[in-house]
Amino acid sequence: MKLIEQHQIFGGSQQVWAHNAQMLQCEMKFAVYLPNNPENRPLGVIYWLSGLTCSEQNFITKSGFQRYASEHQVIVVTPDTSPRGEQVPNDVAYDLGQGAGFYLNATEQPWGDELSNV
């Protein structure tokens, strides 16, 4: 994994990471907000799945959730839910191909190979 960006906000750390997704056969990103936790105690985690065509950036830049997460001491993970990159089969429709994700197993080609076991 590779740290792409990190910013301090509301006493915590907003990070974006990249990783090689073997199943999707492409690089994927996710964001994680880590509230300040000086006692190093266990914290709850919320996984936020953004809507169709959204990346890990939409929720972290538009919602302001970091204030709530900091106040309530909760970690928030926001994965990019859509495969991206030149190697991902594309379609002229905005809701298919690169940047589109339905959180479901794909059964139709050309997406079946990469998304059949997601």
N, C-alpha and C. Protein backbone atom coordinates (compact mmCIF):
# COMPACT_ATOMS: atom_id res chain seq x y z
N MET A 1 0.84 -1.18 0.00
CA MET A 1 0.00 0.00 0.00
C MET A 1 0.89 1.24 0.00
N LYS A 2 0.31 2.31 -0.54
CA LYS A 2 1.06 3.56 -0.67
C LYS A 2 0.18 4.72 -0.18
N LEU A 3 0.72 5.51 0.74
CA LEU A 3 0.02 6.69 1.22
C LEU A 3 0.07 7.76 0.13
N ILE A 4 -1.10 8.20 -0.33
CA ILE A 4 -1.21 9.19 -1.41
C ILE A 4 -1.29 10.61 -0.86
N GLU A 5 -2.11 10.80 0.17
CA GLU A 5 -2.24 12.12 0.78
C GLU A 5 -2.65 11.99 2.23
N GLN A 6 -2.32 13.02 3.00
CA GLN A 6 -2.68 13.04 4.42
C GLN A 6 -2.87 14.49 4.85
N HIS A 7 -3.98 14.75 5.57
CA HIS A 7 -4.30 16.10 6.03
C HIS A 7 -4.81 16.01 7.46
N GLN A 8 -4.46 17.00 8.26
CA GLN A 8 -4.95 17.09 9.64
C GLN A 8 -6.24 17.90 9.62
N ILE A 9 -7.28 17.34 10.25
CA ILE A 9 -8.58 18.01 10.29
C ILE A 9 -9.32 17.59 11.55
N PHE A 10 -9.87 18.55 12.27
CA PHE A 10 -10.61 18.31 13.52
C PHE A 10 -9.83 17.41 14.47
N GLY A 11 -8.53 17.61 14.54
CA GLY A 11 -7.70 16.87 15.48
C GLY A 11 -7.33 15.48 15.02
N GLY A 12 -7.84 15.04 13.89
CA GLY A 12 -7.54 13.71 13.38
C GLY A 12 -6.78 13.78 12.07
N SER A 13 -6.64 12.63 11.45
CA SER A 13 -5.88 12.53 10.20
C SER A 13 -6.75 11.94 9.09
N GLN A 14 -6.92 12.71 8.02
CA GLN A 14 -7.63 12.23 6.82
C GLN A 14 -6.57 11.74 5.85
N GLN A 15 -6.62 10.45 5.52
CA GLN A 15 -5.61 9.84 4.66
C GLN A 15 -6.27 9.22 3.43
N VAL A 16 -5.50 9.15 2.34
CA VAL A 16 -5.91 8.42 1.14
C VAL A 16 -4.77 7.47 0.80
N TRP A 17 -5.14 6.21 0.58
CA TRP A 17 -4.18 5.15 0.28
C TRP A 17 -4.50 4.52 -1.07
N ALA A 18 -3.47 4.02 -1.74
CA ALA A 18 -3.63 3.25 -2.98
C ALA A 18 -3.11 1.84 -2.73
N HIS A 19 -3.75 0.87 -3.37
CA HIS A 19 -3.31 -0.52 -3.24
C HIS A 19 -3.58 -1.25 -4.54
N ASN A 20 -2.88 -2.33 -4.74
CA ASN A 20 -3.08 -3.16 -5.92
C ASN A 20 -4.20 -4.16 -5.63
N ALA A 21 -5.33 -4.01 -6.30
CA ALA A 21 -6.47 -4.91 -6.11
C ALA A 21 -6.33 -6.10 -7.05
N GLN A 22 -5.94 -7.24 -6.51
CA GLN A 22 -5.70 -8.42 -7.33
C GLN A 22 -6.95 -8.86 -8.08
N MET A 23 -8.09 -8.87 -7.42
CA MET A 23 -9.32 -9.33 -8.06
C MET A 23 -9.72 -8.41 -9.21
N LEU A 24 -9.60 -7.11 -9.01
CA LEU A 24 -9.99 -6.14 -10.04
C LEU A 24 -8.90 -5.90 -11.07
N GLN A 25 -7.71 -6.34 -10.76
CA GLN A 25 -6.56 -6.20 -11.66
C GLN A 25 -6.28 -4.73 -11.98
N CYS A 26 -6.36 -3.89 -10.97
CA CYS A 26 -6.03 -2.48 -11.14
C CYS A 26 -5.71 -1.87 -9.79
N GLU A 27 -5.17 -0.66 -9.82
CA GLU A 27 -4.93 0.06 -8.59
C GLU A 27 -6.26 0.65 -8.10
N MET A 28 -6.51 0.52 -6.82
CA MET A 28 -7.70 1.09 -6.20
C MET A 28 -7.26 1.99 -5.05
N LYS A 29 -8.14 2.90 -4.67
CA LYS A 29 -7.85 3.82 -3.56
C LYS A 29 -8.94 3.72 -2.50
N PHE A 30 -8.58 4.08 -1.30
CA PHE A 30 -9.56 4.24 -0.23
C PHE A 30 -9.08 5.36 0.67
N ALA A 31 -10.03 5.99 1.34
CA ALA A 31 -9.71 7.03 2.31
C ALA A 31 -10.06 6.51 3.70
N VAL A 32 -9.33 6.98 4.67
CA VAL A 32 -9.62 6.62 6.06
C VAL A 32 -9.42 7.86 6.93
N TYR A 33 -10.40 8.10 7.80
CA TYR A 33 -10.26 9.17 8.79
C TYR A 33 -9.95 8.53 10.13
N LEU A 34 -8.85 8.95 10.74
CA LEU A 34 -8.43 8.44 12.04
C LEU A 34 -8.52 9.58 13.05
N PRO A 35 -9.51 9.52 13.96
CA PRO A 35 -9.61 10.59 14.96
C PRO A 35 -8.43 10.51 15.92
N ASN A 36 -8.12 11.63 16.56
CA ASN A 36 -7.08 11.64 17.57
C ASN A 36 -7.48 10.65 18.67
N ASN A 37 -6.57 9.77 19.05
CA ASN A 37 -6.87 8.72 20.03
C ASN A 37 -5.68 8.56 20.96
N PRO A 38 -5.41 9.56 21.82
CA PRO A 38 -4.21 9.50 22.66
C PRO A 38 -4.20 8.33 23.65
N GLU A 39 -5.37 7.83 24.03
CA GLU A 39 -5.41 6.69 24.95
C GLU A 39 -5.21 5.36 24.23
N ASN A 40 -5.15 5.41 22.89
CA ASN A 40 -4.96 4.21 22.08
C ASN A 40 -5.99 3.13 22.40
N ARG A 41 -7.23 3.54 22.59
CA ARG A 41 -8.30 2.58 22.90
C ARG A 41 -8.96 2.10 21.60
N PRO A 42 -9.64 0.97 21.64
CA PRO A 42 -10.32 0.47 20.43
C PRO A 42 -11.43 1.44 20.01
N LEU A 43 -11.54 1.66 18.71
CA LEU A 43 -12.55 2.56 18.17
C LEU A 43 -13.45 1.80 17.19
N GLY A 44 -14.69 2.25 17.07
CA GLY A 44 -15.59 1.70 16.07
C GLY A 44 -15.21 2.17 14.67
N VAL A 45 -15.71 1.46 13.68
CA VAL A 45 -15.41 1.78 12.28
C VAL A 45 -16.71 1.85 11.49
N ILE A 46 -16.86 2.89 10.68
CA ILE A 46 -17.96 3.01 9.73
C ILE A 46 -17.37 2.90 8.33
N TYR A 47 -17.96 2.05 7.49
CA TYR A 47 -17.57 1.94 6.08
C TYR A 47 -18.61 2.66 5.25
N TRP A 48 -18.22 3.72 4.56
CA TRP A 48 -19.13 4.51 3.73
C TRP A 48 -18.93 4.12 2.27
N LEU A 49 -19.97 3.61 1.64
CA LEU A 49 -19.93 3.25 0.22
C LEU A 49 -20.64 4.34 -0.57
N SER A 50 -19.87 5.13 -1.30
CA SER A 50 -20.45 6.22 -2.09
C SER A 50 -21.24 5.68 -3.27
N GLY A 51 -22.03 6.54 -3.87
CA GLY A 51 -22.90 6.16 -4.97
C GLY A 51 -22.19 5.97 -6.29
N LEU A 52 -22.97 5.65 -7.26
CA LEU A 52 -22.51 5.36 -8.61
C LEU A 52 -21.63 6.47 -9.17
N THR A 53 -20.51 6.11 -9.70
CA THR A 53 -19.47 6.96 -10.33
C THR A 53 -18.66 7.78 -9.32
N CYS A 54 -18.94 7.70 -8.03
CA CYS A 54 -18.18 8.45 -7.04
C CYS A 54 -16.87 7.75 -6.72
N SER A 55 -15.89 8.53 -6.33
CA SER A 55 -14.61 7.97 -5.89
C SER A 55 -14.52 8.10 -4.37
N GLU A 56 -13.36 7.75 -3.83
CA GLU A 56 -13.13 7.91 -2.39
C GLU A 56 -13.15 9.37 -1.99
N GLN A 57 -13.04 10.29 -2.96
CA GLN A 57 -12.95 11.72 -2.67
C GLN A 57 -14.30 12.39 -2.38
N ASN A 58 -15.38 11.91 -2.97
CA ASN A 58 -16.67 12.60 -2.86
C ASN A 58 -17.09 12.84 -1.41
N PHE A 59 -17.15 11.79 -0.64
CA PHE A 59 -17.63 11.90 0.74
C PHE A 59 -16.65 12.68 1.62
N ILE A 60 -15.35 12.45 1.43
CA ILE A 60 -14.39 13.11 2.32
C ILE A 60 -14.25 14.60 2.05
N THR A 61 -14.58 15.04 0.84
CA THR A 61 -14.44 16.47 0.53
C THR A 61 -15.75 17.25 0.61
N LYS A 62 -16.89 16.58 0.54
CA LYS A 62 -18.17 17.29 0.47
C LYS A 62 -19.04 17.20 1.72
N SER A 63 -18.82 16.23 2.58
CA SER A 63 -19.78 15.98 3.65
C SER A 63 -19.47 16.65 4.98
N GLY A 64 -18.22 16.87 5.31
CA GLY A 64 -17.87 17.41 6.61
C GLY A 64 -17.98 16.40 7.74
N PHE A 65 -18.01 15.11 7.42
CA PHE A 65 -18.18 14.06 8.43
C PHE A 65 -17.06 14.04 9.47
N GLN A 66 -15.90 14.59 9.13
CA GLN A 66 -14.73 14.49 10.01
C GLN A 66 -15.01 15.10 11.39
N ARG A 67 -15.79 16.15 11.45
CA ARG A 67 -16.13 16.75 12.75
C ARG A 67 -16.89 15.75 13.61
N TYR A 68 -17.90 15.09 13.04
CA TYR A 68 -18.67 14.09 13.77
C TYR A 68 -17.77 12.93 14.20
N ALA A 69 -16.96 12.44 13.28
CA ALA A 69 -16.09 11.29 13.58
C ALA A 69 -15.11 11.63 14.69
N SER A 70 -14.61 12.85 14.69
CA SER A 70 -13.70 13.28 15.74
C SER A 70 -14.41 13.37 17.09
N GLU A 71 -15.58 13.99 17.11
CA GLU A 71 -16.34 14.15 18.35
C GLU A 71 -16.77 12.81 18.93
N HIS A 72 -17.09 11.84 18.09
CA HIS A 72 -17.62 10.55 18.55
C HIS A 72 -16.58 9.43 18.50
N GLN A 73 -15.35 9.79 18.21
CA GLN A 73 -14.24 8.84 18.23
C GLN A 73 -14.53 7.59 17.40
N VAL A 74 -14.79 7.82 16.12
CA VAL A 74 -15.07 6.71 15.20
C VAL A 74 -14.18 6.84 13.97
N ILE A 75 -13.66 5.73 13.51
CA ILE A 75 -12.87 5.67 12.28
C ILE A 75 -13.85 5.56 11.12
N VAL A 76 -13.60 6.26 10.02
CA VAL A 76 -14.45 6.17 8.84
C VAL A 76 -13.59 5.79 7.63
N VAL A 77 -13.99 4.69 6.97
CA VAL A 77 -13.29 4.20 5.78
C VAL A 77 -14.20 4.41 4.58
N THR A 78 -13.67 5.04 3.54
CA THR A 78 -14.45 5.31 2.33
C THR A 78 -13.70 4.78 1.11
N PRO A 79 -13.99 3.54 0.73
CA PRO A 79 -13.30 2.99 -0.45
C PRO A 79 -13.86 3.54 -1.75
N ASP A 80 -13.00 3.59 -2.75
CA ASP A 80 -13.49 3.84 -4.11
C ASP A 80 -14.19 2.55 -4.51
N THR A 81 -15.43 2.63 -4.88
CA THR A 81 -16.21 1.42 -5.17
C THR A 81 -16.20 1.04 -6.64
N SER A 82 -15.46 1.77 -7.44
CA SER A 82 -15.49 1.54 -8.89
C SER A 82 -14.09 1.29 -9.43
N PRO A 83 -13.92 0.25 -10.24
CA PRO A 83 -12.61 0.04 -10.87
C PRO A 83 -12.33 1.16 -11.86
N ARG A 84 -11.06 1.59 -11.92
CA ARG A 84 -10.68 2.69 -12.80
C ARG A 84 -9.38 2.34 -13.50
N GLY A 85 -9.13 2.99 -14.63
CA GLY A 85 -7.88 2.80 -15.35
C GLY A 85 -8.11 2.26 -16.74
N GLU A 86 -7.10 2.41 -17.58
CA GLU A 86 -7.20 2.03 -18.99
C GLU A 86 -7.46 0.54 -19.19
N GLN A 87 -7.02 -0.30 -18.26
CA GLN A 87 -7.19 -1.74 -18.41
C GLN A 87 -8.62 -2.21 -18.08
N VAL A 88 -9.43 -1.34 -17.52
CA VAL A 88 -10.81 -1.69 -17.17
C VAL A 88 -11.69 -1.50 -18.40
N PRO A 89 -12.44 -2.53 -18.81
CA PRO A 89 -13.33 -2.37 -19.96
C PRO A 89 -14.29 -1.20 -19.73
N ASN A 90 -14.57 -0.45 -20.77
CA ASN A 90 -15.40 0.75 -20.64
C ASN A 90 -16.66 0.62 -21.49
N ASP A 91 -17.55 1.57 -21.35
CA ASP A 91 -18.79 1.60 -22.09
C ASP A 91 -19.17 3.07 -22.28
N VAL A 92 -19.94 3.38 -23.31
CA VAL A 92 -20.36 4.77 -23.53
C VAL A 92 -21.34 5.24 -22.46
N ALA A 93 -22.06 4.32 -21.84
CA ALA A 93 -22.98 4.68 -20.77
C ALA A 93 -22.18 5.04 -19.51
N TYR A 94 -22.57 6.12 -18.82
CA TYR A 94 -21.84 6.57 -17.64
C TYR A 94 -21.89 5.55 -16.50
N ASP A 95 -22.91 4.71 -16.50
CA ASP A 95 -23.09 3.79 -15.38
C ASP A 95 -22.55 2.38 -15.64
N LEU A 96 -21.74 2.23 -16.67
CA LEU A 96 -21.07 0.96 -16.95
C LEU A 96 -19.60 1.23 -17.21
N GLY A 97 -18.77 0.27 -16.89
CA GLY A 97 -17.35 0.38 -17.21
C GLY A 97 -16.56 1.16 -16.19
N GLN A 98 -15.58 1.92 -16.66
CA GLN A 98 -14.68 2.66 -15.78
C GLN A 98 -15.46 3.65 -14.93
N GLY A 99 -15.26 3.59 -13.64
CA GLY A 99 -15.89 4.54 -12.74
C GLY A 99 -17.29 4.16 -12.30
N ALA A 100 -17.83 3.05 -12.76
CA ALA A 100 -19.18 2.64 -12.34
C ALA A 100 -19.07 1.43 -11.43
N GLY A 101 -19.82 1.42 -10.38
CA GLY A 101 -19.80 0.29 -9.46
C GLY A 101 -21.18 0.06 -8.90
N PHE A 102 -21.57 -1.18 -8.83
CA PHE A 102 -22.90 -1.52 -8.30
C PHE A 102 -22.81 -2.40 -7.05
N TYR A 103 -21.59 -2.68 -6.56
CA TYR A 103 -21.36 -3.50 -5.38
C TYR A 103 -21.87 -4.93 -5.58
N LEU A 104 -22.03 -5.38 -6.80
CA LEU A 104 -22.56 -6.71 -7.08
C LEU A 104 -21.61 -7.49 -7.97
N ASN A 105 -21.76 -8.79 -7.96
CA ASN A 105 -20.98 -9.64 -8.86
C ASN A 105 -21.42 -9.42 -10.30
N ALA A 106 -20.47 -9.14 -11.18
CA ALA A 106 -20.77 -8.98 -12.60
C ALA A 106 -20.86 -10.34 -13.25
N THR A 107 -21.82 -10.51 -14.13
CA THR A 107 -21.98 -11.79 -14.84
C THR A 107 -21.81 -11.64 -16.33
N GLU A 108 -21.83 -10.42 -16.84
CA GLU A 108 -21.74 -10.18 -18.28
C GLU A 108 -20.33 -9.75 -18.67
N GLN A 109 -19.90 -10.22 -19.82
CA GLN A 109 -18.61 -9.78 -20.36
C GLN A 109 -18.80 -8.39 -20.97
N PRO A 110 -17.82 -7.53 -20.93
CA PRO A 110 -16.43 -7.81 -20.62
C PRO A 110 -16.06 -7.62 -19.15
N TRP A 111 -17.03 -7.42 -18.25
CA TRP A 111 -16.72 -7.15 -16.86
C TRP A 111 -16.72 -8.40 -15.99
N GLY A 112 -17.20 -9.50 -16.48
CA GLY A 112 -17.33 -10.71 -15.68
C GLY A 112 -16.03 -11.22 -15.10
N ASP A 113 -14.94 -11.10 -15.84
CA ASP A 113 -13.67 -11.63 -15.34
C ASP A 113 -13.18 -10.87 -14.11
N GLU A 114 -13.23 -9.55 -14.14
CA GLU A 114 -12.72 -8.75 -13.04
C GLU A 114 -13.69 -8.65 -11.87
N LEU A 115 -14.97 -8.63 -12.14
CA LEU A 115 -15.94 -8.33 -11.09
C LEU A 115 -16.79 -9.51 -10.67
N SER A 116 -16.48 -10.71 -11.11
CA SER A 116 -17.35 -11.85 -10.82
C SER A 116 -17.27 -12.31 -9.38
N ASN A 117 -16.21 -11.99 -8.68
CA ASN A 117 -16.06 -12.45 -7.30
C ASN A 117 -15.91 -11.32 -6.31
N VAL A 118 -16.41 -10.15 -6.68
CA VAL A 118 -16.27 -9.00 -5.79
C VAL A 118 -17.27 -9.12 -4.66
